[in-house]
Amino acid sequence: MRFQRLAALAAVSTLAASPAFALSPQVFVSGKGADGAGCGTTAAPCRTFQYAHDSAVTPGGMIAVMDSGDYGPVRITKSVSIVNNGAGVAAIGPNAQLSSIEVAAGADGKVVLRGLTVDGGKTGFLGLRIVSARALDVSKCGFRNFLGSGMAYEGGSDMSFRIADSEFSDNVNSGIQFASMNEPNIDGVIRNSRFNRNGAGFLGAVFYSPFGSNRTFRVVVKDVEVNGGRAGFELTNPSPNTSLTLTGATIGGASRAALMASFSAPQIRLSRSVLINNLNPWEGGEGVTSSGDNQVMLSATTLPAPIIPMK
């Protein structure tokens, strides 16, 4: 009997000493993987982004896609990179909640999203919702078929962002929307991206409304295409610290105006761009400054008088 008690105590001690599965700085997901303790290696990849985020990857680490699959909605609450470097279609479908991807990484969080295809299927509301992050890097991603916007910033923390080589298409509200009650400072770049058929009742590309903010909103847009929507870009009630610089943009098919600015100070700056087949080139009078090297074609109404005449 004494021997049995000692054996039982030894077994309990052994279990207590067994280490939990450690988080890893790089974990893998696969359409053929399985979520469970210890997943994340190439031999035993996880199945979903959410499990890999919650249970496998360290803060600041990377979730790498091995092959095609629908990896499910994900709520990001720490610094992390989710990366598909051409391994197949890394899909995220609609979510019964507000968004397919939600970023709530905190005021110091850094999030990278690369090579993801996010499709709302005309049932999801938002593709990418940002609540908090210090830095956001989105490249080679697609956000399409959402009832709201492809991407929406609704947070209160200051954020810098970069969007490159990405597509926002067939979203009912806007391609990208910035709207916050908390007056954050926003600084970003959008490059080599396309906005197609967004905003049947709203915006084709970017909408900004800070609710009376006095903070900075500074965004540079280079080499983008915008097709359709009520307007290509709109700034509503911005602060004096607002600037939107467009270089090499092509904006066409806007049902109201290619550019809309509800203020008199020049805060949209336009160069080397083409505004074609829009009802109006812009609304907002002196809110738009042209460098003089732009083209306006096939507008239904007379060109408003800019500060610097367009060619």
Protein backbone atom coordinates (compact mmCIF):
# COMPACT_ATOMS: atom_id res chain seq x y z
CA MET A 1 0.00 0.00 0.00
CA ARG A 2 2.86 2.38 0.88
CA PHE A 3 4.47 1.64 -2.49
CA GLN A 4 1.22 2.49 -4.32
CA ARG A 5 0.97 5.85 -2.52
CA LEU A 6 4.55 6.73 -3.44
CA ALA A 7 3.94 5.76 -7.08
CA ALA A 8 0.84 7.96 -7.21
CA LEU A 9 2.72 10.93 -5.75
CA ALA A 10 5.52 10.44 -8.27
CA ALA A 11 3.02 10.46 -11.12
CA VAL A 12 1.46 13.71 -9.89
CA SER A 13 4.90 15.30 -9.56
CA THR A 14 5.79 14.26 -13.10
CA LEU A 15 2.60 15.79 -14.52
CA ALA A 16 3.14 19.03 -12.63
CA ALA A 17 6.67 19.28 -13.99
CA SER A 18 5.62 18.75 -17.61
CA PRO A 19 6.01 22.08 -19.43
CA ALA A 20 3.10 23.68 -21.32
CA PHE A 21 3.56 24.07 -25.06
CA ALA A 22 5.69 27.18 -25.59
CA LEU A 23 4.71 29.96 -27.96
CA SER A 24 6.91 30.34 -31.04
CA PRO A 25 8.05 33.46 -32.93
CA GLN A 26 7.04 31.77 -36.21
CA VAL A 27 4.09 29.44 -36.63
CA PHE A 28 2.51 27.91 -39.72
CA VAL A 29 -1.09 27.43 -40.83
CA SER A 30 -2.38 25.11 -43.53
CA GLY A 31 -5.70 24.25 -45.12
CA LYS A 32 -4.83 20.67 -44.14
CA GLY A 33 -3.75 21.55 -40.61
CA ALA A 34 -5.46 21.03 -37.27
CA ASP A 35 -5.86 23.37 -34.31
CA GLY A 36 -4.59 21.91 -31.07
CA ALA A 37 -1.89 22.10 -28.45
CA GLY A 38 1.54 22.14 -30.05
CA CYS A 39 0.40 23.04 -33.57
CA GLY A 40 2.30 25.55 -35.65
CA THR A 41 5.25 23.61 -37.01
CA THR A 42 5.62 22.73 -40.68
CA ALA A 43 4.96 19.11 -39.76
CA ALA A 44 1.88 19.95 -37.68
CA PRO A 45 0.49 23.33 -38.81
CA CYS A 46 -2.51 25.02 -37.21
CA ARG A 47 -5.76 25.31 -39.14
CA THR A 48 -7.02 28.83 -38.35
CA PHE A 49 -5.49 32.26 -37.91
CA GLN A 50 -7.36 32.75 -34.64
CA TYR A 51 -5.97 29.65 -32.95
CA ALA A 52 -2.46 30.38 -34.21
CA HIS A 53 -2.78 33.96 -32.90
CA ASP A 54 -4.21 33.00 -29.51
CA SER A 55 -2.32 29.82 -28.70
CA ALA A 56 0.80 29.46 -30.82
CA VAL A 57 2.59 32.67 -31.79
CA THR A 58 4.53 35.04 -29.55
CA PRO A 59 3.77 38.78 -29.48
CA GLY A 60 5.65 40.28 -32.41
CA GLY A 61 5.84 36.94 -34.18
CA MET A 62 4.70 35.73 -37.59
CA ILE A 63 1.90 33.46 -38.77
CA ALA A 64 2.96 32.03 -42.14
CA VAL A 65 0.59 30.49 -44.69
CA MET A 66 1.69 27.17 -46.20
CA ASP A 67 -1.07 26.61 -48.79
CA SER A 68 -4.55 27.62 -49.90
CA GLY A 69 -7.44 27.59 -47.45
CA ASP A 70 -10.11 29.61 -45.69
CA TYR A 71 -8.41 30.46 -42.42
CA GLY A 72 -11.40 32.07 -40.75
CA PRO A 73 -12.02 35.47 -39.17
CA VAL A 74 -9.40 36.74 -36.73
CA ARG A 75 -9.30 39.29 -33.91
CA ILE A 76 -5.75 40.56 -33.44
CA THR A 77 -4.89 41.72 -29.93
CA LYS A 78 -1.09 41.88 -30.08
CA SER A 79 1.71 42.78 -32.45
CA VAL A 80 1.82 40.12 -35.15
CA SER A 81 2.42 39.51 -38.86
CA ILE A 82 0.05 37.32 -40.89
CA VAL A 83 1.87 36.58 -44.13
CA ASN A 84 1.11 34.71 -47.32
CA ASN A 85 4.09 34.93 -49.64
CA GLY A 86 2.39 33.35 -52.64
CA ALA A 87 1.67 29.93 -51.14
CA GLY A 88 -1.90 29.96 -52.53
CA VAL A 89 -5.13 31.79 -51.73
CA ALA A 90 -5.21 32.66 -48.03
CA ALA A 91 -8.92 33.41 -47.68
CA ILE A 92 -10.94 34.93 -44.87
CA GLY A 93 -14.69 34.76 -45.34
CA PRO A 94 -17.50 36.80 -43.76
CA ASN A 95 -17.99 36.89 -40.01
CA ALA A 96 -21.24 36.96 -38.07
CA GLN A 97 -19.61 39.65 -35.94
CA LEU A 98 -18.80 43.17 -37.16
CA SER A 99 -15.66 42.43 -39.20
CA SER A 100 -13.66 39.61 -40.76
CA ILE A 101 -10.42 41.02 -39.37
CA GLU A 102 -10.39 43.20 -36.26
CA VAL A 103 -7.18 44.84 -35.08
CA ALA A 104 -7.18 45.74 -31.39
CA ALA A 105 -3.44 45.50 -30.82
CA GLY A 106 -3.17 48.40 -28.40
CA ALA A 107 -1.62 51.84 -28.71
CA ASP A 108 1.85 50.35 -29.31
CA GLY A 109 0.83 47.39 -31.47
CA LYS A 110 2.36 46.73 -34.87
CA VAL A 111 0.40 44.59 -37.33
CA VAL A 112 1.40 43.32 -40.78
CA LEU A 113 -1.10 41.73 -43.19
CA ARG A 114 0.23 40.38 -46.49
CA GLY A 115 -1.28 38.33 -49.29
CA LEU A 116 -4.76 37.84 -47.79
CA THR A 117 -8.06 37.60 -49.70
CA VAL A 118 -10.90 38.89 -47.52
CA ASP A 119 -14.37 38.42 -49.03
CA GLY A 120 -17.60 39.43 -47.31
CA GLY A 121 -19.80 37.50 -49.70
CA LYS A 122 -22.34 40.36 -49.53
CA THR A 123 -23.21 39.30 -45.97
CA GLY A 124 -20.23 40.55 -43.91
CA PHE A 125 -20.19 44.19 -42.83
CA LEU A 126 -16.51 45.19 -42.61
CA GLY A 127 -13.41 43.60 -44.07
CA LEU A 128 -10.74 45.12 -41.81
CA ARG A 129 -11.70 47.08 -38.69
CA ILE A 130 -8.99 48.91 -36.76
CA VAL A 131 -9.69 49.69 -33.12
CA SER A 132 -6.12 50.29 -31.99
CA ALA A 133 -2.61 49.92 -33.44
CA ARG A 134 0.49 52.06 -33.58
CA ALA A 135 1.49 50.84 -37.03
CA LEU A 136 -0.38 48.94 -39.73
CA ASP A 137 1.17 47.53 -42.91
CA VAL A 138 -1.17 46.01 -45.52
CA SER A 139 0.18 44.71 -48.83
CA LYS A 140 -1.03 42.45 -51.63
CA CYS A 141 -4.43 42.03 -49.96
CA GLY A 142 -7.96 42.14 -51.34
CA PHE A 143 -11.07 43.37 -49.47
CA ARG A 144 -14.28 42.90 -51.39
CA ASN A 145 -18.03 42.34 -51.24
CA PHE A 146 -18.74 43.90 -47.83
CA LEU A 147 -21.98 45.65 -46.90
CA GLY A 148 -19.97 48.36 -45.15
CA SER A 149 -16.39 49.29 -46.01
CA GLY A 150 -13.41 47.23 -47.08
CA MET A 151 -11.38 48.86 -44.30
CA ALA A 152 -12.57 51.11 -41.45
CA TYR A 153 -10.53 52.93 -38.81
CA GLU A 154 -12.71 53.53 -35.74
CA GLY A 155 -10.12 53.76 -32.99
CA GLY A 156 -8.70 56.38 -30.71
CA SER A 157 -4.95 55.72 -30.78
CA ASP A 158 -2.52 57.52 -33.09
CA MET A 159 -1.61 55.36 -36.07
CA SER A 160 0.73 55.31 -39.04
CA PHE A 161 -0.17 53.01 -41.91
CA ARG A 162 1.01 51.78 -45.30
CA ILE A 163 -1.23 50.15 -47.90
CA ALA A 164 0.44 48.84 -51.06
CA ASP A 165 -0.48 46.68 -54.05
CA SER A 166 -3.95 46.00 -52.68
CA GLU A 167 -7.52 46.02 -53.98
CA PHE A 168 -10.78 47.28 -52.46
CA SER A 169 -13.72 46.29 -54.64
CA ASP A 170 -17.52 46.01 -54.60
CA ASN A 171 -17.95 47.28 -51.03
CA VAL A 172 -21.27 49.02 -50.49
CA ASN A 173 -20.05 51.84 -48.24
CA SER A 174 -16.45 52.85 -48.96
CA GLY A 175 -13.17 51.37 -49.98
CA ILE A 176 -11.46 52.85 -46.89
CA GLN A 177 -13.16 54.92 -44.19
CA PHE A 178 -11.65 56.90 -41.33
CA ALA A 179 -14.22 57.99 -38.75
CA SER A 180 -13.44 58.38 -35.06
CA MET A 181 -14.89 60.26 -32.12
CA ASN A 182 -11.52 60.17 -30.31
CA GLU A 183 -9.42 62.51 -32.47
CA PRO A 184 -6.38 60.35 -33.29
CA ASN A 185 -3.41 61.47 -35.37
CA ILE A 186 -3.30 59.54 -38.65
CA ASP A 187 -0.30 59.44 -40.98
CA GLY A 188 -0.21 57.10 -43.96
CA VAL A 189 0.64 56.13 -47.51
CA ILE A 190 -1.49 54.30 -50.11
CA ARG A 191 0.42 53.08 -53.18
CA ASN A 192 -0.20 51.05 -56.33
CA SER A 193 -3.71 50.05 -55.31
CA ARG A 194 -7.12 49.79 -56.94
CA PHE A 195 -10.60 50.82 -55.80
CA ASN A 196 -13.35 49.40 -58.01
CA ARG A 197 -17.12 49.82 -57.79
CA ASN A 198 -17.18 50.80 -54.12
CA GLY A 199 -19.63 53.19 -52.54
CA ALA A 200 -22.78 53.07 -54.61
CA GLY A 201 -24.12 55.50 -52.03
CA PHE A 202 -20.86 56.67 -50.57
CA LEU A 203 -17.15 56.69 -51.46
CA GLY A 204 -15.14 54.89 -54.06
CA ALA A 205 -11.78 55.12 -52.32
CA VAL A 206 -11.16 57.10 -49.11
CA PHE A 207 -13.55 58.91 -46.79
CA TYR A 208 -12.42 60.93 -43.75
CA SER A 209 -14.69 62.51 -41.15
CA PRO A 210 -13.06 63.33 -37.80
CA PHE A 211 -16.15 64.71 -35.99
CA GLY A 212 -14.56 68.09 -35.33
CA SER A 213 -11.05 66.81 -34.69
CA ASN A 214 -8.08 69.12 -34.14
CA ARG A 215 -5.56 66.35 -34.75
CA THR A 216 -3.41 65.58 -37.79
CA PHE A 217 -4.65 63.59 -40.77
CA ARG A 218 -1.88 63.36 -43.35
CA VAL A 219 -2.15 60.81 -46.17
CA VAL A 220 -0.17 60.50 -49.39
CA VAL A 221 -1.74 58.53 -52.27
CA LYS A 222 0.44 57.45 -55.20
CA ASP A 223 -0.43 55.61 -58.41
CA VAL A 224 -3.94 54.43 -57.60
CA GLU A 225 -7.02 53.75 -59.74
CA VAL A 226 -10.55 54.56 -58.61
CA ASN A 227 -13.58 53.47 -60.62
CA GLY A 228 -17.14 54.28 -59.57
CA GLY A 229 -18.72 55.42 -56.32
CA ARG A 230 -20.34 58.70 -55.36
CA ALA A 231 -16.87 60.23 -55.07
CA GLY A 232 -13.28 59.11 -55.29
CA PHE A 233 -11.93 60.88 -52.20
CA GLU A 234 -13.81 62.97 -49.64
CA LEU A 235 -12.76 64.99 -46.61
CA THR A 236 -15.65 66.09 -44.38
CA ASN A 237 -15.26 68.67 -41.59
CA PRO A 238 -11.50 68.25 -41.36
CA SER A 239 -9.18 70.15 -39.05
CA PRO A 240 -6.59 72.68 -40.28
CA ASN A 241 -4.03 69.87 -39.91
CA THR A 242 -5.58 67.77 -42.65
CA SER A 243 -3.81 67.07 -45.94
CA LEU A 244 -4.45 64.56 -48.71
CA THR A 245 -1.83 64.48 -51.47
CA LEU A 246 -2.70 62.62 -54.68
CA THR A 247 0.00 61.87 -57.24
CA GLY A 248 -0.53 59.72 -60.32
CA ALA A 249 -4.17 58.98 -59.50
CA THR A 250 -6.81 58.02 -62.07
CA ILE A 251 -10.36 58.67 -60.86
CA GLY A 252 -13.33 57.88 -63.09
CA GLY A 253 -17.04 57.24 -63.07
CA ALA A 254 -17.94 59.15 -59.89
CA SER A 255 -21.66 59.85 -59.79
CA ARG A 256 -21.14 63.16 -57.95
CA ALA A 257 -17.50 64.29 -57.95
CA ALA A 258 -14.03 62.81 -58.24
CA LEU A 259 -12.92 64.86 -55.21
CA MET A 260 -15.08 66.35 -52.45
CA ALA A 261 -13.90 68.78 -49.79
CA SER A 262 -16.23 70.49 -47.32
CA PHE A 263 -13.95 73.42 -46.47
CA SER A 264 -12.27 76.39 -48.10
CA ALA A 265 -8.61 75.90 -47.17
CA PRO A 266 -6.59 73.94 -49.76
CA GLN A 267 -6.12 70.51 -48.20
CA ILE A 268 -6.38 68.20 -51.22
CA ARG A 269 -3.30 68.52 -53.43
CA LEU A 270 -3.39 66.98 -56.90
CA SER A 271 -0.57 66.30 -59.36
CA ARG A 272 0.06 64.10 -62.43
CA SER A 273 -3.48 62.75 -62.19
CA VAL A 274 -6.41 62.07 -64.51
CA LEU A 275 -10.06 62.80 -63.66
CA ILE A 276 -12.21 61.21 -66.35
CA ASN A 277 -15.93 60.78 -66.90
CA ASN A 278 -17.03 62.08 -63.49
CA LEU A 279 -20.12 64.23 -62.99
CA ASN A 280 -17.89 66.91 -61.43
CA PRO A 281 -14.10 67.04 -61.23
CA TRP A 282 -14.46 68.20 -57.63
CA GLU A 283 -16.68 69.93 -55.11
CA GLY A 284 -15.30 72.22 -52.45
CA GLY A 285 -13.97 75.24 -54.33
CA GLU A 286 -10.58 76.21 -53.00
CA GLY A 287 -10.25 72.97 -51.03
CA VAL A 288 -8.43 71.44 -54.02
CA THR A 289 -5.04 72.62 -55.25
CA SER A 290 -3.79 71.47 -58.64
CA SER A 291 -0.13 71.53 -59.62
CA GLY A 292 -1.18 72.26 -63.19
CA ASP A 293 -0.05 68.97 -64.71
CA ASN A 294 -3.38 67.12 -64.40
CA GLN A 295 -6.01 66.22 -66.98
CA VAL A 296 -9.78 66.55 -66.71
CA MET A 297 -11.86 64.86 -69.40
CA LEU A 298 -15.53 64.17 -70.10
CA SER A 299 -16.93 65.94 -67.05
CA ALA A 300 -20.67 66.51 -67.21
CA THR A 301 -20.42 69.94 -65.58
CA THR A 302 -18.18 72.95 -65.94
CA LEU A 303 -14.79 72.71 -64.28
CA PRO A 304 -14.76 74.65 -60.96
CA ALA A 305 -12.12 77.36 -60.71
CA PRO A 306 -9.07 75.91 -58.95
CA ILE A 307 -6.37 77.85 -57.13
CA ILE A 308 -3.84 76.79 -59.76
CA PRO A 309 -5.42 76.06 -63.15
CA MET A 310 -5.42 72.55 -64.46
CA LYS A 311 -4.01 71.72 -67.87
